[in-house]
């Protein structure tokens, strides 16, 4: 496989034509920006919490900010509703070791930032920052938004994704 792996999310986004004179020769129109970000930016600010909790501090993203989280599918052997053996799928959020904060989870504000930090083959899921941070905080894990990652070998390579796809198809 010679083509880089990319998110299938872009397959569901309509392309936007390039402005005149800006298209590179031999390339089609750029994909449109994700509608997920459009929704986040157009949403009115959240009202104060009814239970008296303070809103986000300055510089802290709102609770429902969409983020891309390094994660991948897994499954375990289980029993279906009909009593027969079945595979039960679930998603695993990838955790990383941080030199000063211990075990952390990464969240990125865009797929491009995730790919720049972890490589094009990194699988991910979309989530809301608030629920993700609350769930992981309950387990003693900090979520880092748009972390700087030391350059090096990517966490996932295309052949790793091929092996995962084989495992998921079983």
N, C-alpha and C. Protein backbone atom coordinates (compact mmCIF):
# COMPACT_ATOMS: atom_id res chain seq x y z
N UNK A 1 0.86 -1.17 0.00
CA UNK A 1 0.00 0.00 0.00
C UNK A 1 0.90 1.23 0.00
N UNK A 2 0.81 2.06 -1.04
CA UNK A 2 1.69 3.21 -1.13
C UNK A 2 1.01 4.51 -0.75
N UNK A 3 -0.29 4.59 -0.84
CA UNK A 3 -1.00 5.83 -0.50
C UNK A 3 -1.10 5.98 1.01
N UNK A 4 -0.96 7.21 1.52
CA UNK A 4 -1.08 7.39 2.98
C UNK A 4 -2.50 7.11 3.44
N UNK A 5 -2.62 6.60 4.64
CA UNK A 5 -3.92 6.34 5.24
C UNK A 5 -4.47 7.68 5.71
N UNK A 6 -5.73 7.94 5.47
CA UNK A 6 -6.36 9.16 5.96
C UNK A 6 -7.71 8.83 6.54
N UNK A 7 -8.23 9.74 7.29
CA UNK A 7 -9.52 9.54 7.91
C UNK A 7 -10.60 9.41 6.84
N UNK A 8 -11.54 8.52 7.05
CA UNK A 8 -12.67 8.39 6.13
C UNK A 8 -13.67 9.52 6.33
N UNK A 9 -13.52 10.32 7.38
CA UNK A 9 -14.44 11.42 7.64
C UNK A 9 -14.51 12.35 6.44
N UNK A 10 -13.37 12.56 5.76
CA UNK A 10 -13.35 13.46 4.62
C UNK A 10 -14.14 12.90 3.44
N UNK A 11 -14.38 11.61 3.41
CA UNK A 11 -15.19 11.04 2.33
C UNK A 11 -16.64 11.53 2.38
N UNK A 12 -17.07 12.02 3.53
CA UNK A 12 -18.44 12.44 3.71
C UNK A 12 -18.60 13.96 3.69
N UNK A 13 -17.55 14.66 3.29
CA UNK A 13 -17.57 16.12 3.25
C UNK A 13 -17.54 16.53 1.79
N UNK A 14 -18.39 17.46 1.41
CA UNK A 14 -18.43 17.92 0.03
C UNK A 14 -17.23 18.80 -0.26
N UNK A 15 -16.58 18.62 -1.42
CA UNK A 15 -15.45 19.48 -1.75
C UNK A 15 -15.91 20.89 -2.08
N UNK A 16 -15.05 21.84 -1.79
CA UNK A 16 -15.31 23.24 -2.11
C UNK A 16 -14.34 23.63 -3.21
N UNK A 17 -14.81 24.26 -4.29
CA UNK A 17 -13.90 24.61 -5.37
C UNK A 17 -12.85 25.61 -4.89
N UNK A 18 -11.64 25.50 -5.46
CA UNK A 18 -10.55 26.42 -5.15
C UNK A 18 -10.90 27.80 -5.73
N UNK A 19 -10.46 28.87 -5.04
CA UNK A 19 -10.60 30.19 -5.65
C UNK A 19 -9.78 30.24 -6.94
N UNK A 20 -10.20 31.06 -7.92
CA UNK A 20 -9.48 31.10 -9.20
C UNK A 20 -7.99 31.40 -8.99
N UNK A 21 -7.16 30.64 -9.70
CA UNK A 21 -5.73 30.86 -9.66
C UNK A 21 -5.01 30.23 -8.48
N UNK A 22 -5.71 29.57 -7.54
CA UNK A 22 -5.06 29.00 -6.37
C UNK A 22 -4.93 27.50 -6.41
N UNK A 23 -5.60 26.84 -7.35
CA UNK A 23 -5.55 25.38 -7.40
C UNK A 23 -4.20 24.94 -7.96
N UNK A 24 -3.59 23.97 -7.32
CA UNK A 24 -2.34 23.42 -7.82
C UNK A 24 -2.64 22.58 -9.05
N UNK A 25 -1.75 22.59 -10.04
CA UNK A 25 -2.00 21.80 -11.25
C UNK A 25 -2.16 20.32 -10.91
N UNK A 26 -3.16 19.69 -11.51
CA UNK A 26 -3.37 18.27 -11.33
C UNK A 26 -4.09 17.89 -10.04
N UNK A 27 -4.48 18.87 -9.23
CA UNK A 27 -5.19 18.56 -7.98
C UNK A 27 -6.63 19.05 -8.09
N UNK A 28 -7.51 18.31 -7.48
CA UNK A 28 -8.92 18.69 -7.45
C UNK A 28 -9.17 19.72 -6.36
N UNK A 29 -10.42 20.02 -6.11
CA UNK A 29 -10.75 20.98 -5.07
C UNK A 29 -10.40 20.44 -3.69
N UNK A 30 -10.08 21.36 -2.79
CA UNK A 30 -9.79 20.97 -1.40
C UNK A 30 -11.08 20.51 -0.73
N UNK A 31 -10.98 19.58 0.24
CA UNK A 31 -12.18 19.21 0.97
C UNK A 31 -12.64 20.38 1.84
N UNK A 32 -13.93 20.48 1.98
CA UNK A 32 -14.52 21.53 2.80
C UNK A 32 -14.17 21.29 4.25
N UNK A 33 -14.10 22.35 5.00
CA UNK A 33 -13.84 22.24 6.43
C UNK A 33 -14.96 21.44 7.07
N UNK A 34 -14.64 20.67 8.09
CA UNK A 34 -15.62 19.81 8.73
C UNK A 34 -16.79 20.63 9.28
N UNK A 35 -17.99 20.15 9.05
CA UNK A 35 -19.18 20.81 9.58
C UNK A 35 -19.20 20.75 11.10
N UNK A 36 -18.47 19.82 11.69
CA UNK A 36 -18.40 19.72 13.14
C UNK A 36 -17.84 21.02 13.73
N UNK A 37 -16.80 21.57 13.08
CA UNK A 37 -16.23 22.83 13.57
C UNK A 37 -17.19 23.99 13.32
N UNK A 38 -17.91 23.96 12.21
CA UNK A 38 -18.89 25.01 11.94
C UNK A 38 -19.95 25.04 13.05
N UNK A 39 -20.41 23.87 13.45
CA UNK A 39 -21.42 23.80 14.51
C UNK A 39 -20.86 24.32 15.83
N UNK A 40 -19.62 23.97 16.13
CA UNK A 40 -19.02 24.40 17.39
C UNK A 40 -18.86 25.92 17.43
N UNK A 41 -18.47 26.52 16.30
CA UNK A 41 -18.25 27.96 16.28
C UNK A 41 -19.55 28.74 16.25
N UNK A 42 -20.60 28.17 15.66
CA UNK A 42 -21.86 28.90 15.56
C UNK A 42 -22.76 28.71 16.78
N UNK A 43 -22.40 27.78 17.64
CA UNK A 43 -23.23 27.52 18.83
C UNK A 43 -23.17 28.71 19.79
N UNK A 44 -24.30 29.06 20.39
CA UNK A 44 -24.27 30.14 21.37
C UNK A 44 -23.48 29.72 22.59
N UNK A 45 -22.94 30.69 23.34
CA UNK A 45 -22.20 30.29 24.54
C UNK A 45 -23.12 29.54 25.49
N UNK A 46 -22.58 28.54 26.17
CA UNK A 46 -23.44 27.75 27.06
C UNK A 46 -23.89 28.59 28.25
N UNK A 47 -25.13 28.36 28.70
CA UNK A 47 -25.62 29.10 29.86
C UNK A 47 -24.88 28.61 31.12
N UNK A 48 -24.91 29.40 32.17
CA UNK A 48 -24.27 28.93 33.41
C UNK A 48 -24.92 27.62 33.85
N UNK A 49 -24.12 26.78 34.46
CA UNK A 49 -24.62 25.48 34.89
C UNK A 49 -25.72 25.67 35.93
N UNK A 50 -26.77 24.88 35.79
CA UNK A 50 -27.91 24.98 36.71
C UNK A 50 -27.54 24.54 38.12
N UNK A 51 -26.49 23.73 38.23
CA UNK A 51 -26.13 23.24 39.56
C UNK A 51 -25.11 24.14 40.26
N UNK A 52 -24.86 25.33 39.69
CA UNK A 52 -23.98 26.29 40.34
C UNK A 52 -22.51 26.12 40.02
N UNK A 53 -22.17 25.13 39.16
CA UNK A 53 -20.76 24.98 38.79
C UNK A 53 -20.33 26.16 37.95
N UNK A 54 -19.10 26.63 38.11
CA UNK A 54 -18.64 27.74 37.28
C UNK A 54 -18.43 27.29 35.84
N UNK A 55 -18.52 28.24 34.92
CA UNK A 55 -18.26 27.95 33.51
C UNK A 55 -16.76 27.82 33.29
N UNK A 56 -16.36 27.63 32.03
CA UNK A 56 -14.94 27.46 31.77
C UNK A 56 -14.15 28.73 32.09
N UNK A 57 -12.92 28.53 32.59
CA UNK A 57 -12.03 29.66 32.85
C UNK A 57 -11.56 30.23 31.52
N UNK A 58 -11.06 31.47 31.50
CA UNK A 58 -10.51 32.01 30.25
C UNK A 58 -9.40 31.10 29.72
N UNK A 59 -9.45 30.83 28.42
CA UNK A 59 -8.45 29.97 27.80
C UNK A 59 -8.79 28.50 27.85
N UNK A 60 -9.85 28.14 28.57
CA UNK A 60 -10.28 26.74 28.64
C UNK A 60 -11.44 26.55 27.68
N UNK A 61 -11.35 25.57 26.77
CA UNK A 61 -12.44 25.38 25.80
C UNK A 61 -13.76 25.03 26.48
N UNK A 62 -14.87 25.41 25.87
CA UNK A 62 -16.18 25.02 26.42
C UNK A 62 -16.31 23.50 26.52
N UNK A 63 -17.19 23.09 27.39
CA UNK A 63 -17.41 21.68 27.71
C UNK A 63 -17.65 20.81 26.48
N UNK A 64 -18.46 21.29 25.56
CA UNK A 64 -18.84 20.47 24.40
C UNK A 64 -17.97 20.71 23.17
N UNK A 65 -16.74 21.20 23.35
CA UNK A 65 -15.83 21.41 22.23
C UNK A 65 -15.51 20.08 21.57
N UNK A 66 -15.72 19.98 20.24
CA UNK A 66 -15.39 18.71 19.56
C UNK A 66 -13.88 18.55 19.46
N UNK A 67 -13.39 17.35 19.72
CA UNK A 67 -11.97 17.04 19.63
C UNK A 67 -11.77 15.70 18.95
N UNK A 68 -10.56 15.50 18.43
CA UNK A 68 -10.15 14.22 17.83
C UNK A 68 -9.25 13.52 18.83
N UNK A 69 -9.60 12.31 19.21
CA UNK A 69 -8.90 11.59 20.27
C UNK A 69 -8.27 10.32 19.69
N UNK A 70 -6.96 10.12 19.88
CA UNK A 70 -6.35 8.88 19.42
C UNK A 70 -7.05 7.68 20.07
N UNK A 71 -7.59 6.81 19.26
CA UNK A 71 -8.36 5.66 19.75
C UNK A 71 -8.49 4.65 18.62
N UNK A 72 -8.87 3.45 18.98
CA UNK A 72 -9.09 2.43 17.96
C UNK A 72 -10.08 1.40 18.45
N UNK A 73 -10.71 0.68 17.51
CA UNK A 73 -11.71 -0.32 17.89
C UNK A 73 -11.07 -1.59 18.42
N UNK A 74 -11.78 -2.24 19.30
CA UNK A 74 -11.41 -3.56 19.83
C UNK A 74 -12.69 -4.35 19.98
N UNK A 75 -12.56 -5.63 20.24
CA UNK A 75 -13.74 -6.44 20.52
C UNK A 75 -13.33 -7.60 21.41
N UNK A 76 -14.30 -8.14 22.11
CA UNK A 76 -14.08 -9.31 22.95
C UNK A 76 -15.15 -10.33 22.62
N UNK A 77 -14.84 -11.57 22.92
CA UNK A 77 -15.83 -12.63 22.71
C UNK A 77 -16.91 -12.46 23.77
N UNK A 78 -18.14 -12.56 23.34
CA UNK A 78 -19.27 -12.44 24.26
C UNK A 78 -20.43 -13.29 23.78
N UNK A 79 -21.59 -12.98 24.31
CA UNK A 79 -22.80 -13.71 23.93
C UNK A 79 -23.81 -12.72 23.39
N UNK A 80 -24.38 -13.01 22.22
CA UNK A 80 -25.37 -12.15 21.61
C UNK A 80 -26.71 -12.27 22.32
N UNK A 81 -27.67 -11.46 21.89
CA UNK A 81 -29.00 -11.47 22.51
C UNK A 81 -29.72 -12.79 22.29
N UNK A 82 -29.29 -13.52 21.24
CA UNK A 82 -29.90 -14.83 20.97
C UNK A 82 -29.20 -15.96 21.71
N UNK A 83 -28.20 -15.63 22.55
CA UNK A 83 -27.50 -16.64 23.32
C UNK A 83 -26.34 -17.30 22.59
N UNK A 84 -26.12 -16.91 21.34
CA UNK A 84 -25.01 -17.50 20.57
C UNK A 84 -23.75 -16.66 20.76
N UNK A 85 -22.57 -17.26 20.57
CA UNK A 85 -21.31 -16.49 20.68
C UNK A 85 -21.30 -15.33 19.69
N UNK A 86 -20.77 -14.21 20.13
CA UNK A 86 -20.70 -13.01 19.29
C UNK A 86 -19.49 -12.17 19.72
N UNK A 87 -19.06 -11.30 18.86
CA UNK A 87 -17.99 -10.35 19.19
C UNK A 87 -18.67 -9.07 19.69
N UNK A 88 -18.19 -8.54 20.81
CA UNK A 88 -18.73 -7.31 21.38
C UNK A 88 -17.72 -6.19 21.13
N UNK A 89 -18.07 -5.22 20.26
CA UNK A 89 -17.11 -4.16 19.92
C UNK A 89 -17.10 -3.04 20.97
N UNK A 90 -15.96 -2.39 21.09
CA UNK A 90 -15.82 -1.20 21.92
C UNK A 90 -14.65 -0.39 21.41
N UNK A 91 -14.51 0.83 21.90
CA UNK A 91 -13.44 1.74 21.49
C UNK A 91 -12.46 1.90 22.64
N UNK A 92 -11.17 1.84 22.33
CA UNK A 92 -10.11 2.04 23.32
C UNK A 92 -9.47 3.40 23.07
N UNK A 93 -9.48 4.27 24.06
CA UNK A 93 -8.78 5.55 23.98
C UNK A 93 -7.32 5.26 24.29
N UNK A 94 -6.42 5.73 23.42
CA UNK A 94 -5.01 5.48 23.63
C UNK A 94 -4.46 6.42 24.69
N UNK A 95 -3.66 5.88 25.57
CA UNK A 95 -3.03 6.66 26.64
C UNK A 95 -1.54 6.75 26.37
N UNK A 96 -0.93 7.83 26.85
CA UNK A 96 0.48 8.08 26.61
C UNK A 96 1.16 8.40 27.94
N UNK A 97 2.45 8.16 28.00
CA UNK A 97 3.24 8.47 29.19
C UNK A 97 3.85 9.86 29.01
N UNK A 98 3.58 10.76 29.95
CA UNK A 98 4.09 12.13 29.92
C UNK A 98 5.20 12.23 30.96
N UNK A 99 6.31 12.94 30.65
CA UNK A 99 7.43 12.98 31.58
C UNK A 99 7.12 13.59 32.95
N UNK A 100 6.17 14.53 33.01
CA UNK A 100 5.87 15.16 34.30
C UNK A 100 4.47 14.87 34.82
N UNK A 101 3.53 14.51 33.93
CA UNK A 101 2.14 14.35 34.35
C UNK A 101 1.69 12.89 34.41
N UNK A 102 2.61 11.97 34.20
CA UNK A 102 2.24 10.55 34.26
C UNK A 102 1.46 10.12 33.04
N UNK A 103 0.42 9.33 33.24
CA UNK A 103 -0.40 8.84 32.14
C UNK A 103 -1.38 9.92 31.71
N UNK A 104 -1.39 10.21 30.40
CA UNK A 104 -2.25 11.25 29.86
C UNK A 104 -2.96 10.73 28.61
N UNK A 105 -4.03 11.40 28.25
CA UNK A 105 -4.71 11.18 26.98
C UNK A 105 -4.53 12.45 26.16
N UNK A 106 -4.42 12.30 24.86
CA UNK A 106 -4.30 13.46 23.98
C UNK A 106 -5.65 13.74 23.33
N UNK A 107 -5.93 15.01 23.12
CA UNK A 107 -7.10 15.45 22.35
C UNK A 107 -6.61 16.55 21.42
N UNK A 108 -7.08 16.54 20.19
CA UNK A 108 -6.64 17.52 19.20
C UNK A 108 -7.84 18.28 18.66
N UNK A 109 -7.63 19.57 18.39
CA UNK A 109 -8.74 20.41 17.92
C UNK A 109 -9.06 20.18 16.45
N UNK A 110 -8.24 19.43 15.73
CA UNK A 110 -8.55 19.12 14.33
C UNK A 110 -7.84 17.84 13.92
N UNK A 111 -8.35 17.17 12.89
CA UNK A 111 -7.65 15.97 12.39
C UNK A 111 -6.25 16.31 11.88
N UNK A 112 -6.08 17.50 11.31
CA UNK A 112 -4.76 17.89 10.80
C UNK A 112 -3.74 18.00 11.94
N UNK A 113 -4.15 18.54 13.07
CA UNK A 113 -3.23 18.64 14.21
C UNK A 113 -2.88 17.25 14.75
N UNK A 114 -3.86 16.36 14.78
CA UNK A 114 -3.60 15.00 15.23
C UNK A 114 -2.60 14.32 14.29
N UNK A 115 -2.81 14.43 12.99
CA UNK A 115 -1.92 13.80 12.02
C UNK A 115 -0.53 14.41 12.08
N UNK A 116 -0.43 15.72 12.28
CA UNK A 116 0.88 16.36 12.37
C UNK A 116 1.66 15.87 13.59
N UNK A 117 0.96 15.61 14.68
CA UNK A 117 1.62 15.19 15.92
C UNK A 117 1.91 13.69 15.94
N UNK A 118 0.95 12.88 15.47
CA UNK A 118 1.07 11.42 15.65
C UNK A 118 1.21 10.63 14.36
N UNK A 119 1.10 11.29 13.22
CA UNK A 119 1.25 10.60 11.94
C UNK A 119 -0.09 10.38 11.26
N UNK A 120 0.00 10.22 9.95
CA UNK A 120 -1.20 10.07 9.12
C UNK A 120 -1.97 8.78 9.38
N UNK A 121 -1.32 7.77 9.90
CA UNK A 121 -1.97 6.47 10.09
C UNK A 121 -2.64 6.34 11.46
N UNK A 122 -2.57 7.37 12.29
CA UNK A 122 -3.13 7.29 13.64
C UNK A 122 -4.66 7.20 13.59
N UNK A 123 -5.24 6.11 14.11
CA UNK A 123 -6.71 6.05 14.18
C UNK A 123 -7.22 6.97 15.29
N UNK A 124 -8.43 7.48 15.13
CA UNK A 124 -8.99 8.40 16.12
C UNK A 124 -10.51 8.37 16.08
N UNK A 125 -11.10 8.94 17.12
CA UNK A 125 -12.55 9.12 17.19
C UNK A 125 -12.84 10.57 17.55
N UNK A 126 -14.00 11.04 17.18
CA UNK A 126 -14.44 12.37 17.58
C UNK A 126 -15.16 12.26 18.92
N UNK A 127 -14.95 13.24 19.77
CA UNK A 127 -15.56 13.25 21.10
C UNK A 127 -15.81 14.68 21.51
N UNK A 128 -16.49 14.86 22.63
CA UNK A 128 -16.63 16.18 23.26
C UNK A 128 -15.59 16.25 24.36
N UNK A 129 -14.91 17.37 24.45
CA UNK A 129 -13.82 17.52 25.40
C UNK A 129 -14.27 17.34 26.84
N UNK A 130 -15.39 17.94 27.22
CA UNK A 130 -15.84 17.88 28.61
C UNK A 130 -16.10 16.47 29.12
N UNK A 131 -16.98 15.71 28.46
CA UNK A 131 -17.24 14.35 28.93
C UNK A 131 -15.98 13.48 28.92
N UNK A 132 -15.12 13.66 27.92
CA UNK A 132 -13.88 12.90 27.86
C UNK A 132 -13.01 13.22 29.07
N UNK A 133 -12.82 14.52 29.33
CA UNK A 133 -11.97 14.93 30.45
C UNK A 133 -12.54 14.46 31.79
N UNK A 134 -13.86 14.55 31.96
CA UNK A 134 -14.48 14.11 33.22
C UNK A 134 -14.30 12.61 33.44
N UNK A 135 -14.53 11.83 32.38
CA UNK A 135 -14.41 10.38 32.51
C UNK A 135 -12.98 9.97 32.85
N UNK A 136 -12.03 10.55 32.15
CA UNK A 136 -10.64 10.18 32.39
C UNK A 136 -10.12 10.75 33.71
N UNK A 137 -10.59 11.93 34.10
CA UNK A 137 -10.17 12.51 35.38
C UNK A 137 -10.60 11.59 36.53
N UNK A 138 -11.75 10.97 36.40
CA UNK A 138 -12.22 10.03 37.41
C UNK A 138 -11.31 8.81 37.54
N UNK A 139 -10.48 8.59 36.54
CA UNK A 139 -9.53 7.48 36.55
C UNK A 139 -8.10 7.98 36.81
N UNK A 140 -7.97 9.27 37.15
CA UNK A 140 -6.66 9.84 37.45
C UNK A 140 -5.82 10.15 36.23
N UNK A 141 -6.48 10.34 35.07
CA UNK A 141 -5.77 10.59 33.82
C UNK A 141 -6.10 12.00 33.34
N UNK A 142 -5.08 12.76 32.97
CA UNK A 142 -5.24 14.12 32.47
C UNK A 142 -5.37 14.10 30.96
N UNK A 143 -6.22 14.97 30.42
CA UNK A 143 -6.35 15.12 28.97
C UNK A 143 -5.57 16.37 28.56
N UNK A 144 -4.65 16.21 27.62
CA UNK A 144 -3.88 17.34 27.10
C UNK A 144 -4.45 17.73 25.75
N UNK A 145 -4.82 19.00 25.59
CA UNK A 145 -5.39 19.50 24.34
C UNK A 145 -4.26 20.03 23.46
N UNK A 146 -4.21 19.55 22.22
CA UNK A 146 -3.19 19.94 21.24
C UNK A 146 -1.78 19.91 21.82
N UNK A 147 -1.37 18.75 22.37
CA UNK A 147 -0.03 18.68 22.96
C UNK A 147 1.07 18.73 21.90
N UNK A 148 2.23 19.19 22.32
CA UNK A 148 3.41 19.11 21.45
C UNK A 148 4.01 17.73 21.68
N UNK A 149 4.24 17.05 20.59
CA UNK A 149 4.79 15.70 20.66
C UNK A 149 6.17 15.74 20.03
N UNK A 150 7.16 15.18 20.72
CA UNK A 150 8.52 15.15 20.18
C UNK A 150 8.52 14.41 18.86
N UNK A 151 9.22 14.94 17.86
CA UNK A 151 9.25 14.25 16.57
C UNK A 151 9.92 12.89 16.71
N UNK A 152 9.49 11.99 15.93
CA UNK A 152 10.04 10.64 15.97
C UNK A 152 9.19 9.72 15.13
N UNK A 153 9.32 8.45 15.37
CA UNK A 153 8.55 7.48 14.63
C UNK A 153 7.08 7.57 15.04
N UNK A 154 6.20 7.50 14.05
CA UNK A 154 4.76 7.57 14.31
C UNK A 154 4.32 6.39 15.18
N UNK A 155 3.32 6.63 15.99
CA UNK A 155 2.78 5.60 16.86
C UNK A 155 2.15 4.47 16.05
N UNK A 156 1.47 4.81 14.96
CA UNK A 156 0.81 3.83 14.08
C UNK A 156 1.39 3.97 12.68
N UNK A 157 1.62 2.84 12.03
CA UNK A 157 2.08 2.80 10.65
C UNK A 157 0.97 2.17 9.80
N UNK A 158 0.99 2.38 8.50
CA UNK A 158 -0.05 1.78 7.66
C UNK A 158 -0.17 0.26 7.85
N UNK A 159 0.95 -0.43 8.04
CA UNK A 159 0.87 -1.89 8.23
C UNK A 159 0.21 -2.25 9.56
N UNK A 160 0.33 -1.35 10.57
CA UNK A 160 -0.37 -1.58 11.83
C UNK A 160 -1.89 -1.49 11.62
N UNK A 161 -2.30 -0.54 10.79
CA UNK A 161 -3.73 -0.40 10.50
C UNK A 161 -4.25 -1.61 9.74
N UNK A 162 -3.43 -2.13 8.82
CA UNK A 162 -3.85 -3.32 8.08
C UNK A 162 -4.04 -4.50 9.03
N UNK A 163 -3.13 -4.64 9.99
CA UNK A 163 -3.27 -5.73 10.98
C UNK A 163 -4.50 -5.52 11.85
N UNK A 164 -4.76 -4.27 12.26
CA UNK A 164 -5.96 -3.99 13.06
C UNK A 164 -7.22 -4.30 12.26
N UNK A 165 -7.23 -3.93 10.97
CA UNK A 165 -8.40 -4.20 10.13
C UNK A 165 -8.65 -5.71 10.05
N UNK A 166 -7.60 -6.50 9.93
CA UNK A 166 -7.75 -7.95 9.90
C UNK A 166 -8.37 -8.46 11.20
N UNK A 167 -7.88 -7.92 12.31
CA UNK A 167 -8.38 -8.35 13.62
C UNK A 167 -9.86 -7.96 13.81
N UNK A 168 -10.21 -6.76 13.39
CA UNK A 168 -11.58 -6.27 13.55
C UNK A 168 -12.55 -7.07 12.70
N UNK A 169 -12.12 -7.52 11.54
CA UNK A 169 -12.99 -8.27 10.61
C UNK A 169 -13.30 -9.68 11.11
N UNK A 170 -12.51 -10.20 12.07
CA UNK A 170 -12.74 -11.57 12.55
C UNK A 170 -14.05 -11.70 13.27
